[in-house]
Every structure is written in structure tokens, then in C-alpha cells.
Amino acid sequence: MEWPSDPRWDVASLALDRAGAGAGELIVVRDGLSLLARRGGVVVRVRPRSEEPVAAREVAVAVALTDAAVPVTALVTPGGQPWIIEGSVVTAWSWSASTGPAGPVELGALARILAERTAGGPAHEVPRFDPLTAVRRVVEHLPVGDDQADAIRRLAHGLGPAWAAAADGDPGGVTIVHGDLHRDNVVVTASGPLLTDLELAGWGPPSYDAAPAVVAVERYGAHPSALDVFLGALGRDPRTWDGFAACVAVYELWVTAWAVGVRHQSPELATEAARRVASLVDHNDQPWHLL
């Protein structure tokens, strides 16, 4: 096949060779802030070299979750990752075939397992969950004077005190938090659902992992019954904790920052980025769209 003029494809191919993926077509799984590509039974994530701390976080979390018996996508040769290949940082994972989309039962059950099996505070070399730094990171390539990026930065600064209080005040204690627990970050396999996309994960307030389910209803128009099912599988309702509002606000800012960070990829993403920023700045209930 003819590859686009994107050096990340060459890096992905080299990484797949290194991981022993064998022959076959290189398939792009997702192309956003990073490139996710697979061949055979291996999938690799290619990031700029500047993202090496993010890749290292992802590897450390995967090792910790495996040790804690949390269902998670398996690393290929975990002891030697991440890899540096031609100026990019790469992580390599076993590819698991999906049997269908994840629903609120799977998401809630995984959030519950994650919280229960990593309770008690840091026992591994896993960084602290730091979503506001992640928010700033995804727009850092945009200059001061870019209206949307500047709005993201201002909002992140304004949420700092509320997030600091919530991060240390969850009645659920401290656990490993996934940080972006939605259906596209879970693979449902024949043997059960697996967590994937661990780049935000770290030690933090477990209630945060319910924020995506709330935002799905409040911003994306999901039916409220889906939230009820999620919370039933989770086994608790974090909305009774007064710090949960900060979790929701931070998660809304994260998905808005992500849209701004990838808005150049299509007119639809650019429109959605503008919609989300405007709704946060103007405090309106304009519905968001999943892209």
C-alpha cells in the first residue's frame, strides 16, 4: 500500500518489526494526538519524543495494573519500554480482538475493579494523576494569542484550587485512576473487557472515573438510564461527594482541550472544538458531539 508522507508510519513499521508482529498490512487504528497502528497481533502507539514521560507513565501503570490483576491490555516486553525509534517514543501492546462496544455495565464494572484492586495508595512507581497538566500539554503547541488555547489555559488555572482539594479529599481514598474511562478506551474481548489508553492514569481520587459517564449525559445527550446502569455496576454514587463537581469540570476541560489539540485534522473537529470552548466560557448547555 502507499503510505502518506508521515514519518510516524515508518516508525510504527519499525516498532512492529521490533515487537515481532510478523508480515502483513499496517492498519491505522486511531490517529489523534498520537498514532495507534497495528499489524498482526501487535499494536503500537507512536508519539513525539517530547512525550516520553507520558509513554513512561503508560508503561508504569500497565505494569501496576497487571500486578494488581486489573484487566488491562498487555504490554509486549514490558521491561524494555518505552522505545525510542528515530526520534519518536513508542509503546507496544498485544492486540485483542473486540467482540463489540463497551457499554455502561462494562465501564462501571471496570471502574469498580480498578478502585478496589488498587486501593490503599501508591505501591508501585506510578505517578500522581494530574489531569490539569495533561490539559495544558495538549494545547502547548498552540501560541499565546490563540483564543481557544488561551481560554483552555485560563480555565485550567481557575480550576486549580478546586481540583487540588478534590484530589486529596475523595471519601473513596486514593487508587489508580484511569482518567478517560469511556467506551473507546475499553476493549471488550471474548474473555471480558480490558482497559486500554492509560496515558492519563495515575494515583488519584477514584470518583473521577465516574465523571465521563456524567458528562456523557450532561454534554453528549446520552440517556440518563445509562448513567444509572454505570453507577449500579460501580456500586456507589460519587455525586453525593461535594468534590465530584470539580472532577466533572476538569474532565469537561480535558475533552475540550483534546478537541482543540486535534482541530486541525478536520472541519468537523474544528467546529466541535469551537463549540466546546464557547460552552465552557459562556457557561451554556449547548450539546456536544462525539467525533
Protein backbone atom coordinates (compact mmCIF):
# COMPACT_ATOMS: atom_id res chain seq x y z
CA MET A 1 0.00 0.00 0.00
CA GLU A 2 1.08 3.61 -0.49
CA TRP A 3 1.85 5.34 2.81
CA PRO A 4 1.17 9.01 3.47
CA SER A 5 4.13 11.37 3.86
CA ASP A 6 4.10 10.91 7.63
CA PRO A 7 7.30 9.67 9.28
CA ARG A 8 5.26 8.18 12.12
CA TRP A 9 4.15 5.40 9.75
CA ASP A 10 7.79 4.45 9.20
CA VAL A 11 8.39 4.48 12.95
CA ALA A 12 5.30 2.34 13.52
CA SER A 13 6.52 -0.19 10.95
CA LEU A 14 9.95 -0.39 12.57
CA ALA A 15 8.40 -0.77 16.02
CA LEU A 16 6.12 -3.55 14.82
CA ASP A 17 9.14 -5.35 13.37
CA ARG A 18 10.93 -4.98 16.70
CA ALA A 19 7.88 -6.35 18.54
CA GLY A 20 7.78 -9.42 16.31
CA ALA A 21 4.46 -8.57 14.69
CA GLY A 22 5.26 -10.54 11.55
CA ALA A 23 4.23 -9.75 7.99
CA GLY A 24 1.02 -8.11 6.93
CA GLU A 25 -0.63 -4.77 6.31
CA LEU A 26 -0.09 -1.87 8.66
CA ILE A 27 -3.52 -0.73 9.85
CA VAL A 28 -4.13 2.66 11.47
CA VAL A 29 -6.38 2.15 14.49
CA ARG A 30 -6.53 5.80 15.56
CA ASP A 31 -4.73 8.99 14.63
CA GLY A 32 -5.12 11.84 17.06
CA LEU A 33 -2.60 13.27 19.50
CA SER A 34 -0.63 10.08 18.80
CA LEU A 35 -0.65 7.42 16.08
CA LEU A 36 -2.02 4.00 17.01
CA ALA A 37 -1.23 1.33 14.40
CA ARG A 38 -1.24 -2.44 14.32
CA ARG A 39 -0.02 -5.39 12.36
CA GLY A 40 -0.93 -8.94 13.22
CA GLY A 41 -1.17 -9.40 16.97
CA VAL A 42 0.66 -6.22 17.98
CA VAL A 43 -0.44 -2.59 18.22
CA VAL A 44 1.98 0.31 18.72
CA ARG A 45 1.49 3.90 19.84
CA VAL A 46 3.84 6.48 18.31
CA ARG A 47 4.34 9.84 19.99
CA PRO A 48 6.80 12.73 19.63
CA ARG A 49 9.98 12.31 21.68
CA SER A 50 8.80 15.14 23.93
CA GLU A 51 6.03 12.80 25.09
CA GLU A 52 8.46 10.28 26.61
CA PRO A 53 7.21 10.99 30.19
CA VAL A 54 3.65 10.25 29.04
CA ALA A 55 4.73 6.96 27.47
CA ALA A 56 6.70 6.03 30.58
CA ARG A 57 3.62 6.75 32.71
CA GLU A 58 1.52 4.49 30.49
CA VAL A 59 4.01 1.63 30.84
CA ALA A 60 4.30 2.04 34.62
CA VAL A 61 0.52 2.00 35.01
CA ALA A 62 0.15 -1.08 32.80
CA VAL A 63 2.71 -2.97 34.92
CA ALA A 64 1.00 -1.92 38.16
CA LEU A 65 -2.45 -2.90 36.90
CA THR A 66 -1.22 -6.26 35.69
CA ASP A 67 0.33 -6.91 39.11
CA ALA A 68 -2.98 -5.94 40.74
CA ALA A 69 -4.97 -8.31 38.49
CA VAL A 70 -6.88 -5.45 36.87
CA PRO A 71 -7.95 -6.41 33.31
CA VAL A 72 -5.70 -4.37 31.04
CA THR A 73 -4.19 -4.62 27.57
CA ALA A 74 -0.88 -6.47 27.86
CA LEU A 75 2.45 -4.87 27.07
CA VAL A 76 4.88 -6.52 24.69
CA THR A 77 8.22 -6.91 26.55
CA PRO A 78 7.20 -4.60 29.42
CA GLY A 79 10.68 -4.46 30.92
CA GLY A 80 12.18 -2.62 27.98
CA GLN A 81 9.60 0.02 27.19
CA PRO A 82 9.05 2.70 26.08
CA TRP A 83 11.27 2.52 22.98
CA ILE A 84 12.96 5.42 21.24
CA ILE A 85 12.88 4.91 17.48
CA GLU A 86 14.07 7.56 15.01
CA GLY A 87 13.24 10.44 17.30
CA SER A 88 9.82 9.15 18.39
CA VAL A 89 8.77 7.39 21.57
CA VAL A 90 6.84 4.13 21.12
CA THR A 91 4.92 1.69 23.29
CA ALA A 92 3.92 -1.76 22.03
CA TRP A 93 0.92 -3.81 23.14
CA SER A 94 -0.76 -7.11 22.42
CA TRP A 95 -3.71 -6.67 20.10
CA SER A 96 -7.02 -8.00 21.44
CA ALA A 97 -9.91 -8.52 19.04
CA SER A 98 -13.11 -6.76 20.08
CA THR A 99 -16.40 -8.63 20.26
CA GLY A 100 -18.44 -5.43 20.44
CA PRO A 101 -18.60 -1.97 22.00
CA ALA A 102 -18.29 -1.39 25.72
CA GLY A 103 -21.46 -0.32 27.48
CA PRO A 104 -22.17 1.26 30.86
CA VAL A 105 -22.12 -2.13 32.62
CA GLU A 106 -18.58 -2.88 31.41
CA LEU A 107 -17.38 0.65 32.15
CA GLY A 108 -18.85 0.71 35.65
CA ALA A 109 -17.53 -2.76 36.45
CA LEU A 110 -14.02 -1.84 35.31
CA ALA A 111 -14.08 1.36 37.37
CA ARG A 112 -15.10 -0.68 40.41
CA ILE A 113 -12.39 -3.32 39.84
CA LEU A 114 -9.78 -0.64 39.29
CA ALA A 115 -10.67 1.16 42.52
CA GLU A 116 -10.95 -2.00 44.62
CA ARG A 117 -7.78 -3.67 43.44
CA THR A 118 -5.53 -0.62 43.66
CA ALA A 119 -6.90 0.80 46.92
CA GLY A 120 -4.54 1.82 49.67
CA GLY A 121 -2.32 4.33 47.95
CA PRO A 122 0.85 4.11 45.88
CA ALA A 123 2.57 0.74 45.97
CA HIS A 124 4.16 1.00 42.52
CA GLU A 125 6.24 3.50 40.58
CA VAL A 126 3.13 5.16 39.20
CA PRO A 127 2.91 8.98 39.01
CA ARG A 128 0.17 11.04 40.57
CA PHE A 129 -2.93 11.61 38.43
CA ASP A 130 -2.53 15.14 37.06
CA PRO A 131 -5.29 15.99 34.56
CA LEU A 132 -4.71 19.75 34.51
CA THR A 133 -1.11 19.26 33.42
CA ALA A 134 -2.44 16.97 30.68
CA VAL A 135 -4.89 19.69 29.65
CA ARG A 136 -2.09 22.24 29.32
CA ARG A 137 0.12 19.76 27.48
CA VAL A 138 -2.32 19.10 24.63
CA VAL A 139 -2.53 22.80 23.75
CA GLU A 140 1.07 23.77 24.45
CA HIS A 141 1.91 23.66 20.72
CA LEU A 142 -0.58 26.49 20.16
CA PRO A 143 0.77 30.00 20.64
CA VAL A 144 -0.27 32.58 23.18
CA GLY A 145 -2.85 34.66 21.37
CA ASP A 146 -4.75 31.66 20.06
CA ASP A 147 -8.19 32.38 21.52
CA GLN A 148 -9.19 28.77 22.15
CA ALA A 149 -5.85 27.69 23.61
CA ASP A 150 -5.73 30.78 25.81
CA ALA A 151 -9.24 30.01 27.09
CA ILE A 152 -8.15 26.45 27.94
CA ARG A 153 -5.16 27.77 29.88
CA ARG A 154 -7.26 30.27 31.81
CA LEU A 155 -9.85 27.66 32.68
CA ALA A 156 -7.16 25.21 33.82
CA HIS A 157 -5.67 27.86 36.08
CA GLY A 158 -9.08 28.69 37.52
CA LEU A 159 -9.82 25.04 38.32
CA GLY A 160 -6.52 24.55 40.13
CA PRO A 161 -7.69 25.16 43.73
CA ALA A 162 -10.89 23.12 43.38
CA TRP A 163 -9.00 20.24 41.78
CA ALA A 164 -6.31 20.29 44.48
CA ALA A 165 -8.96 19.96 47.17
CA ALA A 166 -10.79 17.18 45.31
CA ALA A 167 -7.62 15.25 44.51
CA ASP A 168 -6.91 14.73 48.21
CA GLY A 169 -10.46 14.62 49.55
CA ASP A 170 -12.22 11.70 47.90
CA PRO A 171 -14.04 9.58 50.51
CA GLY A 172 -13.04 6.61 48.36
CA GLY A 173 -9.40 7.23 49.26
CA VAL A 174 -6.58 7.05 46.74
CA THR A 175 -6.43 4.50 43.93
CA ILE A 176 -5.12 4.30 40.39
CA VAL A 177 -7.44 6.40 38.24
CA HIS A 178 -7.82 5.73 34.51
CA GLY A 179 -8.68 9.34 33.76
CA ASP A 180 -10.58 8.93 30.48
CA LEU A 181 -12.90 5.99 31.04
CA HIS A 182 -15.22 5.87 28.05
CA ARG A 183 -16.22 3.18 25.58
CA ASP A 184 -13.41 3.86 23.09
CA ASN A 185 -10.82 3.25 25.81
CA VAL A 186 -12.13 -0.21 26.68
CA VAL A 187 -11.80 -3.32 24.51
CA VAL A 188 -14.50 -5.94 25.05
CA THR A 189 -12.96 -9.34 24.31
CA ALA A 190 -14.22 -12.91 24.42
CA SER A 191 -12.72 -13.21 27.93
CA GLY A 192 -14.03 -9.88 29.20
CA PRO A 193 -13.42 -6.12 28.96
CA LEU A 194 -9.89 -4.69 29.09
CA LEU A 195 -8.72 -1.19 29.96
CA THR A 196 -6.57 0.49 27.35
CA ASP A 197 -5.18 4.00 26.64
CA LEU A 198 -3.52 4.60 30.01
CA GLU A 199 -1.70 7.83 29.18
CA LEU A 200 -3.59 9.92 31.76
CA ALA A 201 -3.70 7.31 34.52
CA GLY A 202 -2.12 7.73 37.94
CA TRP A 203 -2.76 7.78 41.68
CA GLY A 204 -5.75 9.94 42.49
CA PRO A 205 -9.42 10.17 43.53
CA PRO A 206 -11.35 7.12 42.24
CA SER A 207 -14.57 9.10 41.88
CA TYR A 208 -13.02 10.86 38.88
CA ASP A 209 -13.57 7.76 36.74
CA ALA A 210 -17.33 8.32 37.02
CA ALA A 211 -17.02 11.80 35.50
CA PRO A 212 -17.08 10.60 31.85
CA ALA A 213 -20.40 8.81 32.46
CA VAL A 214 -21.89 12.01 33.89
CA VAL A 215 -20.51 14.14 31.06
CA ALA A 216 -21.94 11.67 28.54
CA VAL A 217 -25.42 12.54 29.83
CA GLU A 218 -24.96 16.22 30.58
CA ARG A 219 -22.97 17.19 27.46
CA TYR A 220 -23.39 14.48 24.82
CA GLY A 221 -27.05 13.70 25.36
CA ALA A 222 -26.77 10.07 26.49
CA HIS A 223 -29.92 8.74 28.14
CA PRO A 224 -29.86 9.14 31.95
CA SER A 225 -30.56 5.43 32.32
CA ALA A 226 -27.04 4.73 31.02
CA LEU A 227 -25.63 6.65 33.98
CA ASP A 228 -27.88 4.69 36.35
CA VAL A 229 -26.54 1.43 34.91
CA PHE A 230 -22.94 2.65 35.18
CA LEU A 231 -23.39 3.67 38.82
CA GLY A 232 -25.10 0.38 39.60
CA ALA A 233 -22.10 -1.52 38.24
CA LEU A 234 -19.74 0.83 40.07
CA GLY A 235 -21.56 0.13 43.33
CA ARG A 236 -21.69 3.71 44.60
CA ASP A 237 -22.76 7.20 43.58
CA PRO A 238 -19.90 9.73 43.79
CA ARG A 239 -22.29 12.60 43.10
CA THR A 240 -23.02 12.68 46.83
CA TRP A 241 -19.45 13.94 47.43
CA ASP A 242 -19.14 17.70 47.12
CA GLY A 243 -15.73 17.39 45.43
CA PHE A 244 -17.19 15.48 42.50
CA ALA A 245 -18.26 18.68 40.73
CA ALA A 246 -14.57 19.56 40.35
CA CYS A 247 -13.93 16.13 38.80
CA VAL A 248 -16.67 16.74 36.24
CA ALA A 249 -15.41 20.25 35.45
CA VAL A 250 -11.84 19.03 34.97
CA TYR A 251 -12.97 16.17 32.73
CA GLU A 252 -15.05 18.54 30.61
CA LEU A 253 -11.98 20.72 30.22
CA TRP A 254 -9.85 17.70 29.25
CA VAL A 255 -12.15 16.61 26.41
CA THR A 256 -12.41 20.22 25.27
CA ALA A 257 -8.62 20.64 25.27
CA TRP A 258 -8.29 17.39 23.32
CA ALA A 259 -10.67 18.71 20.65
CA VAL A 260 -8.67 21.93 20.40
CA GLY A 261 -5.43 19.96 20.14
CA VAL A 262 -6.65 17.94 17.14
CA ARG A 263 -8.91 20.54 15.49
CA HIS A 264 -6.56 20.83 12.51
CA GLN A 265 -7.43 17.30 11.39
CA SER A 266 -10.89 18.05 10.03
CA PRO A 267 -13.51 20.80 9.73
CA GLU A 268 -15.80 18.74 11.99
CA LEU A 269 -13.21 18.67 14.77
CA ALA A 270 -12.57 22.40 14.37
CA THR A 271 -16.29 23.11 14.70
CA GLU A 272 -16.61 20.87 17.74
CA ALA A 273 -13.58 22.45 19.41
CA ALA A 274 -15.11 25.91 18.99
CA ARG A 275 -18.47 24.66 20.31
CA ARG A 276 -16.95 23.14 23.45
CA VAL A 277 -14.75 26.12 24.28
CA ALA A 278 -17.65 28.52 23.83
CA SER A 279 -19.91 26.46 26.07
CA LEU A 280 -17.34 26.40 28.89
CA VAL A 281 -16.50 30.08 28.60
CA ASP A 282 -20.13 31.21 28.30
CA HIS A 283 -21.49 28.61 30.77
CA ASN A 284 -24.16 27.39 28.37
CA ASP A 285 -25.69 23.94 27.80
CA GLN A 286 -25.06 23.72 24.10
CA PRO A 287 -24.87 19.98 23.26
CA TRP A 288 -21.53 18.47 22.31
CA HIS A 289 -20.96 15.87 19.63
CA LEU A 290 -18.81 12.74 19.67
CA LEU A 291 -16.43 12.54 16.70
